[in-house]
């Protein structure tokens, strides 16, 4: 029996809306480089990307594919809508709190209130996913990545709530100064690295092998990736413990975490290369071609982050975040959505008729020729924007962001067409399209 997570597409829709808003703000000149790296305007854009786009995207994907990873069924699925509502409300309040700090006539207490709602939403989502993991007979290595990532996102949310309370002035003293001065790097490390990257690695080990029709690989490189990443997170935890205990950073621990993380990334990319080489499907579909660009962005962004951190370069840090968030994670997300949306649509509309009447292929739901152009535009604009950040060229960055926005809007149009069956061959033109977000049914024998 195949199952569709009822709320996955709703998570995806909200995530894409946040991406469009974030790119629109960047194109309008809001946030870095027009404003400081830690300015409220920049933090609004950053959290739209990391929470609104990437975290909602990842949670939606996990609701659908974690049961596939563990060979079980989704538990406590009724918590998915309140989790989504809490996350959206929390994000709105968090962004309003940043606007209050920027001088808008709003109470700054909205910042920690938003953080609390985000923590609630993430806790509800984590409860669904942990219950699914605990209900499985076995926990394969990709699911181990996801479990570690879920622990990391909870640490990220708790640390973020502490930062929000300090920024809003709910407490002061040396600890407030220390957490604002040194906690941001840890917050970013747990969020961008421990949560988003580790979860993406775990899911990709299963999905990449499935989409390429390649043998699954859980050998030495995969174990190096997992245990190396776990060690890097342990070092971040040590740094957080030292900060909480002494109000001082553990610089050596953070540096070691970065080095171990780079080694884990190298092992992971080696496995991804082997997946492509060992694939049984010789002709690559568009989403797997686009994924290559995202995989290239991962080492580029990681090395750029390491160099920028060592040099203390704000421009380098901004460019590294741009490459990692919108290239590696965002690019991979868009590439996978190009396959996942038509796959879920096919599963809902045509899986019930398998063996009883002719059915189209999943590829028949999409148009690869125009979508290929939009992916090229997206990754070209990404490279232009990152180069503009490095070179300190605000106008060029705004132009690149608008090009990215155009590419994303056109890709969303392709997702929409696939969902409404607008590109099916003539034999299936009369087939009833599904609802845009909520499937009419979830299970198919």
Protein backbone atom coordinates (compact mmCIF):
# COMPACT_ATOMS: atom_id res chain seq x y z
CA UNK A 1 0.00 0.00 0.00
CA UNK A 2 1.30 3.46 -0.96
CA UNK A 3 0.39 6.47 1.17
CA UNK A 4 0.38 10.21 0.68
CA UNK A 5 0.95 12.53 3.60
CA UNK A 6 -2.13 14.74 3.52
CA UNK A 7 -0.31 17.93 4.55
CA UNK A 8 2.97 17.62 2.65
CA UNK A 9 1.86 19.75 -0.30
CA UNK A 10 0.51 22.43 2.05
CA UNK A 11 3.95 22.62 3.70
CA UNK A 12 5.52 22.86 0.24
CA UNK A 13 3.16 25.64 -0.82
CA UNK A 14 3.88 27.73 2.27
CA UNK A 15 7.60 27.13 1.85
CA UNK A 16 7.57 28.34 -1.75
CA UNK A 17 5.59 31.44 -0.76
CA UNK A 18 8.28 32.29 1.81
CA UNK A 19 11.02 31.80 -0.79
CA UNK A 20 9.26 34.17 -3.20
CA UNK A 21 8.88 36.75 -0.43
CA UNK A 22 12.53 36.45 0.62
CA UNK A 23 13.83 36.83 -2.93
CA UNK A 24 11.48 39.76 -3.47
CA UNK A 25 12.87 41.50 -0.40
CA UNK A 26 16.45 40.88 -1.55
CA UNK A 27 15.60 42.21 -4.99
CA UNK A 28 14.05 45.30 -3.38
CA UNK A 29 17.28 46.04 -1.53
CA UNK A 30 16.14 44.98 1.94
CA UNK A 31 18.77 43.26 4.07
CA UNK A 32 22.45 42.68 3.41
CA UNK A 33 24.40 44.24 1.65
CA UNK A 34 22.27 47.41 1.87
CA UNK A 35 21.96 46.81 5.62
CA UNK A 36 24.38 45.27 8.10
CA UNK A 37 24.88 41.54 8.40
CA UNK A 38 23.13 41.50 11.79
CA UNK A 39 20.63 44.27 11.03
CA UNK A 40 16.94 43.51 11.67
CA UNK A 41 16.18 43.75 7.94
CA UNK A 42 18.81 41.10 7.20
CA UNK A 43 17.51 38.86 9.97
CA UNK A 44 14.01 39.07 8.49
CA UNK A 45 15.31 37.80 5.14
CA UNK A 46 17.52 35.14 6.75
CA UNK A 47 14.67 33.67 8.79
CA UNK A 48 12.28 33.77 5.85
CA UNK A 49 14.80 31.58 4.04
CA UNK A 50 15.83 29.24 6.86
CA UNK A 51 12.49 28.78 8.64
CA UNK A 52 9.92 29.76 6.04
CA UNK A 53 11.49 28.19 2.96
CA UNK A 54 13.97 25.50 4.01
CA UNK A 55 12.50 24.22 7.28
CA UNK A 56 8.92 24.01 6.01
CA UNK A 57 10.20 22.31 2.86
CA UNK A 58 12.21 19.79 4.89
CA UNK A 59 9.35 19.03 7.28
CA UNK A 60 6.94 18.53 4.39
CA UNK A 61 9.39 16.15 2.74
CA UNK A 62 9.95 14.20 5.97
CA UNK A 63 6.20 13.79 6.53
CA UNK A 64 6.07 12.03 3.18
CA UNK A 65 9.39 10.20 3.01
CA UNK A 66 10.41 9.30 6.58
CA UNK A 67 7.97 6.34 6.46
CA UNK A 68 9.74 5.29 3.25
CA UNK A 69 13.12 5.47 5.02
CA UNK A 70 12.00 3.22 7.88
CA UNK A 71 9.51 1.01 6.03
CA UNK A 72 6.63 1.99 8.31
CA UNK A 73 3.70 4.37 8.48
CA UNK A 74 3.47 7.97 9.65
CA UNK A 75 2.47 8.23 13.31
CA UNK A 76 0.53 11.05 14.98
CA UNK A 77 -0.20 12.61 11.58
CA UNK A 78 -3.01 14.70 13.09
CA UNK A 79 -0.36 16.95 14.61
CA UNK A 80 0.80 18.09 11.16
CA UNK A 81 -1.76 20.93 10.70
CA UNK A 82 -1.31 22.45 14.20
CA UNK A 83 2.46 22.21 13.70
CA UNK A 84 2.17 24.11 10.42
CA UNK A 85 -0.13 26.72 11.96
CA UNK A 86 2.25 27.24 14.90
CA UNK A 87 5.23 27.57 12.58
CA UNK A 88 3.54 30.12 10.34
CA UNK A 89 2.22 32.16 13.27
CA UNK A 90 5.58 31.98 15.02
CA UNK A 91 7.43 33.08 11.91
CA UNK A 92 5.06 36.02 11.41
CA UNK A 93 5.53 37.15 15.02
CA UNK A 94 9.30 36.65 14.86
CA UNK A 95 9.57 38.80 11.74
CA UNK A 96 7.31 41.41 13.37
CA UNK A 97 9.65 41.42 16.36
CA UNK A 98 12.63 42.11 14.11
CA UNK A 99 10.62 44.92 12.50
CA UNK A 100 9.92 46.34 15.98
CA UNK A 101 13.65 46.44 16.68
CA UNK A 102 14.06 48.30 13.39
CA UNK A 103 11.74 51.02 14.68
CA UNK A 104 8.30 49.88 13.57
CA UNK A 105 5.49 50.71 16.06
CA UNK A 106 5.30 47.16 17.40
CA UNK A 107 6.21 45.69 20.81
CA UNK A 108 9.64 43.99 20.83
CA UNK A 109 8.15 41.18 22.94
CA UNK A 110 6.76 39.80 19.69
CA UNK A 111 10.25 38.45 19.03
CA UNK A 112 10.39 35.91 21.92
CA UNK A 113 6.66 35.20 21.54
CA UNK A 114 7.31 34.21 17.94
CA UNK A 115 10.23 32.09 19.09
CA UNK A 116 7.97 30.23 21.53
CA UNK A 117 5.44 29.45 18.81
CA UNK A 118 8.22 28.28 16.51
CA UNK A 119 9.51 26.03 19.28
CA UNK A 120 5.99 24.65 19.74
CA UNK A 121 5.56 24.01 16.02
CA UNK A 122 8.94 22.33 15.68
CA UNK A 123 8.26 20.23 18.77
CA UNK A 124 4.94 19.03 17.32
CA UNK A 125 6.59 18.17 14.01
CA UNK A 126 9.45 16.43 15.82
CA UNK A 127 6.91 14.43 17.86
CA UNK A 128 5.34 13.11 14.64
CA UNK A 129 8.69 12.16 13.19
CA UNK A 130 10.17 10.68 16.38
CA UNK A 131 7.01 8.61 16.90
CA UNK A 132 7.39 7.32 13.34
CA UNK A 133 11.03 6.44 14.00
CA UNK A 134 10.26 4.69 17.28
CA UNK A 135 7.46 2.71 15.66
CA UNK A 136 9.78 1.29 13.01
CA UNK A 137 11.21 -2.21 13.24
CA UNK A 138 14.66 -1.05 12.22
CA UNK A 139 16.39 2.32 11.95
CA UNK A 140 18.51 2.41 8.77
CA UNK A 141 21.38 4.86 8.51
CA UNK A 142 19.43 7.56 6.60
CA UNK A 143 16.85 7.59 9.40
CA UNK A 144 19.71 8.05 11.86
CA UNK A 145 20.63 11.24 10.02
CA UNK A 146 17.04 12.43 10.38
CA UNK A 147 16.88 11.60 14.10
CA UNK A 148 20.09 13.55 14.74
CA UNK A 149 18.79 16.44 12.65
CA UNK A 150 15.57 16.57 14.67
CA UNK A 151 17.53 16.84 17.91
CA UNK A 152 19.56 19.61 16.32
CA UNK A 153 16.51 21.62 15.25
CA UNK A 154 15.17 21.54 18.80
CA UNK A 155 18.50 22.86 20.10
CA UNK A 156 18.39 25.50 17.35
CA UNK A 157 14.92 26.60 18.42
CA UNK A 158 15.80 26.72 22.13
CA UNK A 159 18.93 28.74 21.42
CA UNK A 160 16.98 30.99 19.08
CA UNK A 161 14.36 31.64 21.75
CA UNK A 162 17.14 32.56 24.20
CA UNK A 163 18.64 34.96 21.65
CA UNK A 164 15.22 36.47 20.94
CA UNK A 165 14.59 37.06 24.64
CA UNK A 166 17.98 38.71 25.07
CA UNK A 167 17.53 40.94 22.01
CA UNK A 168 14.04 41.96 23.21
CA UNK A 169 15.53 42.94 26.58
CA UNK A 170 13.72 40.34 28.68
CA UNK A 171 16.98 39.73 30.53
CA UNK A 172 20.32 41.50 30.62
CA UNK A 173 23.72 41.29 32.25
CA UNK A 174 26.84 39.50 31.13
CA UNK A 175 24.95 36.44 29.93
CA UNK A 176 22.80 38.50 27.55
CA UNK A 177 25.90 40.14 26.10
CA UNK A 178 27.65 36.77 25.75
CA UNK A 179 24.72 34.98 24.13
CA UNK A 180 24.19 37.77 21.59
CA UNK A 181 27.92 38.07 20.85
CA UNK A 182 28.79 34.38 20.63
CA UNK A 183 25.51 32.47 20.36
CA UNK A 184 24.62 33.48 16.81
CA UNK A 185 27.37 31.34 15.28
CA UNK A 186 26.19 28.32 17.29
CA UNK A 187 22.57 29.02 16.36
CA UNK A 188 23.53 29.08 12.68
CA UNK A 189 25.70 25.98 13.03
CA UNK A 190 22.95 23.89 14.63
CA UNK A 191 20.33 25.20 12.19
CA UNK A 192 22.06 25.31 8.82
CA UNK A 193 24.42 22.42 9.54
CA UNK A 194 22.90 20.11 12.12
CA UNK A 195 19.27 20.45 11.12
CA UNK A 196 18.99 21.31 7.43
CA UNK A 197 22.18 19.83 5.99
CA UNK A 198 22.12 16.65 8.09
CA UNK A 199 18.44 16.04 7.29
CA UNK A 200 19.06 16.71 3.58
CA UNK A 201 21.91 14.21 3.62
CA UNK A 202 19.78 11.53 5.24
CA UNK A 203 16.83 11.97 2.90
CA UNK A 204 19.06 12.21 -0.18
CA UNK A 205 20.77 8.88 0.57
CA UNK A 206 17.40 7.22 -0.02
CA UNK A 207 15.87 9.48 -2.66
CA UNK A 208 18.94 9.79 -4.87
CA UNK A 209 19.37 6.02 -5.02
CA UNK A 210 15.64 5.63 -5.71
CA UNK A 211 15.47 8.28 -8.45
CA UNK A 212 18.66 7.07 -10.14
CA UNK A 213 17.75 3.39 -9.72
CA UNK A 214 21.14 2.87 -8.08
CA UNK A 215 22.15 0.43 -5.31
CA UNK A 216 21.87 1.92 -1.84
CA UNK A 217 25.24 2.71 -0.26
CA UNK A 218 25.62 2.56 3.51
CA UNK A 219 29.29 1.60 3.64
CA UNK A 220 32.34 3.36 5.06
CA UNK A 221 31.81 6.77 3.38
CA UNK A 222 28.22 6.92 4.64
CA UNK A 223 29.35 6.01 8.16
CA UNK A 224 32.12 8.63 7.99
CA UNK A 225 29.51 11.18 6.94
CA UNK A 226 27.17 10.26 9.78
CA UNK A 227 29.68 9.92 12.60
CA UNK A 228 31.73 12.88 11.36
CA UNK A 229 28.64 15.05 11.31
CA UNK A 230 27.58 13.76 14.72
CA UNK A 231 31.05 14.58 16.10
CA UNK A 232 30.85 18.09 14.66
CA UNK A 233 27.49 18.55 16.38
CA UNK A 234 28.92 17.20 19.63
CA UNK A 235 31.66 19.83 19.43
CA UNK A 236 29.02 22.50 18.88
CA UNK A 237 27.19 21.19 21.96
CA UNK A 238 30.43 21.45 23.91
CA UNK A 239 30.85 25.02 22.73
CA UNK A 240 27.30 25.83 23.78
CA UNK A 241 27.88 24.28 27.20
CA UNK A 242 31.03 26.35 27.72
CA UNK A 243 29.19 29.51 26.64
CA UNK A 244 26.33 28.85 29.06
CA UNK A 245 28.71 28.06 31.91
CA UNK A 246 31.35 30.76 31.45
CA UNK A 247 29.88 33.42 29.13
CA UNK A 248 32.88 32.80 26.88
CA UNK A 249 33.18 31.07 23.49
CA UNK A 250 35.07 27.83 22.84
CA UNK A 251 36.83 28.94 19.66
CA UNK A 252 38.94 25.80 19.31
CA UNK A 253 35.87 23.58 19.52
CA UNK A 254 34.13 25.55 16.78
CA UNK A 255 37.19 25.34 14.55
CA UNK A 256 37.42 21.57 15.07
CA UNK A 257 33.71 21.23 14.35
CA UNK A 258 34.26 23.01 11.05
CA UNK A 259 37.14 20.75 10.05
CA UNK A 260 35.27 17.58 10.96
CA UNK A 261 32.24 18.88 9.11
CA UNK A 262 34.31 19.44 5.97
CA UNK A 263 35.55 15.84 6.14
CA UNK A 264 31.97 14.59 6.50
CA UNK A 265 30.91 16.65 3.49
CA UNK A 266 33.74 15.17 1.45
CA UNK A 267 32.67 11.62 2.30
CA UNK A 268 29.04 12.43 1.51
CA UNK A 269 29.85 13.91 -1.89
CA UNK A 270 31.98 10.87 -2.69
CA UNK A 271 28.94 8.68 -2.10
CA UNK A 272 26.75 10.92 -4.27
CA UNK A 273 29.26 10.61 -7.12
CA UNK A 274 29.15 6.82 -6.79
CA UNK A 275 25.34 6.87 -6.92
CA UNK A 276 25.49 8.64 -10.27
CA UNK A 277 28.17 6.29 -11.60
CA UNK A 278 26.34 3.13 -10.51
CA UNK A 279 22.90 4.19 -11.72
CA UNK A 280 20.87 1.77 -13.82
CA UNK A 281 18.86 4.60 -15.37
CA UNK A 282 21.42 5.81 -17.90
CA UNK A 283 19.56 8.91 -19.11
CA UNK A 284 19.30 11.47 -16.33
CA UNK A 285 15.96 13.14 -15.74
CA UNK A 286 15.99 16.90 -15.29
CA UNK A 287 15.66 16.90 -11.51
CA UNK A 288 18.78 14.75 -11.17
CA UNK A 289 20.72 17.04 -13.51
CA UNK A 290 19.65 20.07 -11.46
CA UNK A 291 20.66 18.24 -8.28
CA UNK A 292 24.26 18.12 -9.57
CA UNK A 293 24.42 21.93 -9.40
CA UNK A 294 23.18 21.78 -5.80
CA UNK A 295 25.80 19.18 -4.89
CA UNK A 296 28.51 21.42 -6.39
CA UNK A 297 27.25 24.33 -4.28
CA UNK A 298 27.79 22.34 -1.05
CA UNK A 299 31.63 22.16 -1.09
CA UNK A 300 31.89 25.64 -2.62
CA UNK A 301 29.78 27.11 0.17
CA UNK A 302 31.49 25.08 2.90
CA UNK A 303 35.00 26.10 1.84
CA UNK A 304 33.91 29.71 1.41
CA UNK A 305 32.42 29.64 4.91
CA UNK A 306 35.64 28.26 6.40
CA UNK A 307 37.81 30.85 4.64
CA UNK A 308 35.48 33.74 5.47
CA UNK A 309 35.34 32.70 9.13
CA UNK A 310 39.13 32.49 9.33
CA UNK A 311 39.51 35.91 7.69
CA UNK A 312 36.62 37.53 9.56
CA UNK A 313 35.08 38.64 6.25
CA UNK A 314 31.44 39.77 6.41
CA UNK A 315 31.17 39.69 2.63
CA UNK A 316 32.52 36.15 2.57
CA UNK A 317 30.12 35.00 5.29
CA UNK A 318 27.16 36.49 3.42
CA UNK A 319 28.24 34.84 0.17
CA UNK A 320 28.74 31.49 1.93
CA UNK A 321 25.24 31.64 3.42
CA UNK A 322 23.85 32.55 0.00
CA UNK A 323 25.54 29.56 -1.66
CA UNK A 324 24.64 27.08 1.09
CA UNK A 325 21.07 28.21 1.77
CA UNK A 326 19.92 28.99 -1.77
CA UNK A 327 22.34 26.83 -3.76
CA UNK A 328 22.93 23.62 -1.83
CA UNK A 329 19.75 23.37 0.24
CA UNK A 330 17.42 25.54 -1.82
CA UNK A 331 18.69 24.28 -5.16
CA UNK A 332 18.39 20.65 -4.07
CA UNK A 333 14.92 21.39 -2.72
CA UNK A 334 13.71 22.88 -6.00
CA UNK A 335 15.24 20.00 -7.95
CA UNK A 336 13.52 17.40 -5.78
CA UNK A 337 10.21 19.28 -5.87
CA UNK A 338 10.29 19.00 -9.65
CA UNK A 339 10.08 15.22 -9.17
CA UNK A 340 8.13 14.96 -5.93
CA UNK A 341 5.15 17.11 -6.95
CA UNK A 342 4.38 15.10 -10.12
CA UNK A 343 5.16 11.84 -8.29
CA UNK A 344 2.63 12.57 -5.54
CA UNK A 345 0.15 13.72 -8.16
CA UNK A 346 0.62 10.53 -10.17
CA UNK A 347 0.29 8.45 -7.00
CA UNK A 348 -3.00 10.12 -6.16
CA UNK A 349 -4.50 10.20 -9.65
CA UNK A 350 -3.20 7.11 -11.44
CA UNK A 351 -1.86 4.57 -8.93
CA UNK A 352 -5.40 3.22 -8.27
CA UNK A 353 -5.68 2.26 -11.96
CA UNK A 354 -2.36 0.42 -12.27
CA UNK A 355 -2.91 -3.00 -13.86
CA UNK A 356 -6.51 -2.20 -14.80
CA UNK A 357 -6.02 0.38 -17.55
CA UNK A 358 -3.18 2.27 -19.25
CA UNK A 359 -1.59 4.96 -17.08
CA UNK A 360 0.91 7.71 -17.93
CA UNK A 361 4.45 7.82 -16.63
CA UNK A 362 5.41 10.31 -13.93
CA UNK A 363 7.56 12.10 -16.55
CA UNK A 364 4.43 12.64 -18.66
CA UNK A 365 3.14 15.12 -16.08
CA UNK A 366 5.98 17.63 -16.65
CA UNK A 367 7.59 19.65 -19.45
CA UNK A 368 11.36 19.30 -19.18
CA UNK A 369 12.37 21.71 -21.96
CA UNK A 370 11.07 24.96 -20.38
CA UNK A 371 11.88 23.78 -16.85
CA UNK A 372 15.50 23.17 -17.87
CA UNK A 373 15.76 26.84 -18.86
CA UNK A 374 14.36 27.95 -15.51
CA UNK A 375 16.84 25.78 -13.57
CA UNK A 376 19.72 27.19 -15.62
CA UNK A 377 18.46 30.70 -14.90
CA UNK A 378 18.16 29.94 -11.17
CA UNK A 379 21.68 28.57 -10.71
CA UNK A 380 23.22 31.22 -12.99
CA UNK A 381 21.55 33.95 -10.94
CA UNK A 382 22.72 32.23 -7.76
CA UNK A 383 26.34 32.36 -8.94
CA UNK A 384 25.94 36.00 -9.98
CA UNK A 385 24.43 36.93 -6.62
CA UNK A 386 27.14 35.18 -4.63
CA UNK A 387 29.87 36.84 -6.71
CA UNK A 388 28.18 40.21 -6.21
CA UNK A 389 28.17 39.68 -2.43
CA UNK A 390 31.86 38.81 -2.47
CA UNK A 391 32.67 41.84 -4.61
CA UNK A 392 30.52 44.21 -2.56
CA UNK A 393 28.19 45.14 -5.45
CA UNK A 394 24.70 45.76 -4.00
CA UNK A 395 22.99 46.66 -7.28
CA UNK A 396 24.33 43.55 -9.01
CA UNK A 397 23.12 41.44 -6.08
CA UNK A 398 19.65 42.95 -6.33
CA UNK A 399 19.53 42.22 -10.05
CA UNK A 400 20.65 38.63 -9.48
CA UNK A 401 18.00 38.19 -6.76
CA UNK A 402 15.30 39.38 -9.16
CA UNK A 403 16.52 36.87 -11.75
CA UNK A 404 16.33 34.14 -9.10
CA UNK A 405 12.84 35.31 -8.22
CA UNK A 406 11.80 35.05 -11.88
CA UNK A 407 13.27 31.54 -12.12
CA UNK A 408 11.48 30.41 -8.95
CA UNK A 409 8.17 31.88 -10.13
CA UNK A 410 8.50 30.03 -13.44
CA UNK A 411 9.37 26.76 -11.67
CA UNK A 412 6.36 27.20 -9.39
CA UNK A 413 4.30 27.55 -12.57
CA UNK A 414 5.70 24.19 -13.72
CA UNK A 415 4.79 22.59 -10.37
CA UNK A 416 1.28 24.05 -10.72
CA UNK A 417 0.89 22.65 -14.23
CA UNK A 418 2.04 19.21 -13.09
CA UNK A 419 -0.33 19.24 -10.13
CA UNK A 420 -3.34 20.14 -12.29
CA UNK A 421 -2.42 17.63 -15.04
CA UNK A 422 -2.13 20.38 -17.66
CA UNK A 423 0.67 18.70 -19.62
CA UNK A 424 -0.62 15.14 -19.84
CA UNK A 425 -0.65 13.40 -23.23
CA UNK A 426 -3.96 13.62 -25.09
CA UNK A 427 -5.12 10.16 -23.99
CA UNK A 428 -5.56 11.42 -20.41
CA UNK A 429 -6.82 14.97 -21.05
CA UNK A 430 -10.19 14.18 -19.51
CA UNK A 431 -8.77 12.86 -16.25
CA UNK A 432 -9.99 14.81 -13.21
CA UNK A 433 -7.16 16.84 -11.62
CA UNK A 434 -6.56 16.62 -7.87
CA UNK A 435 -6.93 19.40 -5.35
CA UNK A 436 -4.00 21.79 -5.42
CA UNK A 437 -2.84 21.15 -1.84
CA UNK A 438 -4.93 18.59 0.08
CA UNK A 439 -5.31 15.14 -1.53
CA UNK A 440 -8.81 13.70 -1.68
CA UNK A 441 -7.50 10.36 -0.44
CA UNK A 442 -4.24 9.26 1.14
CA UNK A 443 -3.87 5.51 0.63
CA UNK A 444 -3.94 3.40 -2.51
CA UNK A 445 -3.92 -0.40 -2.61
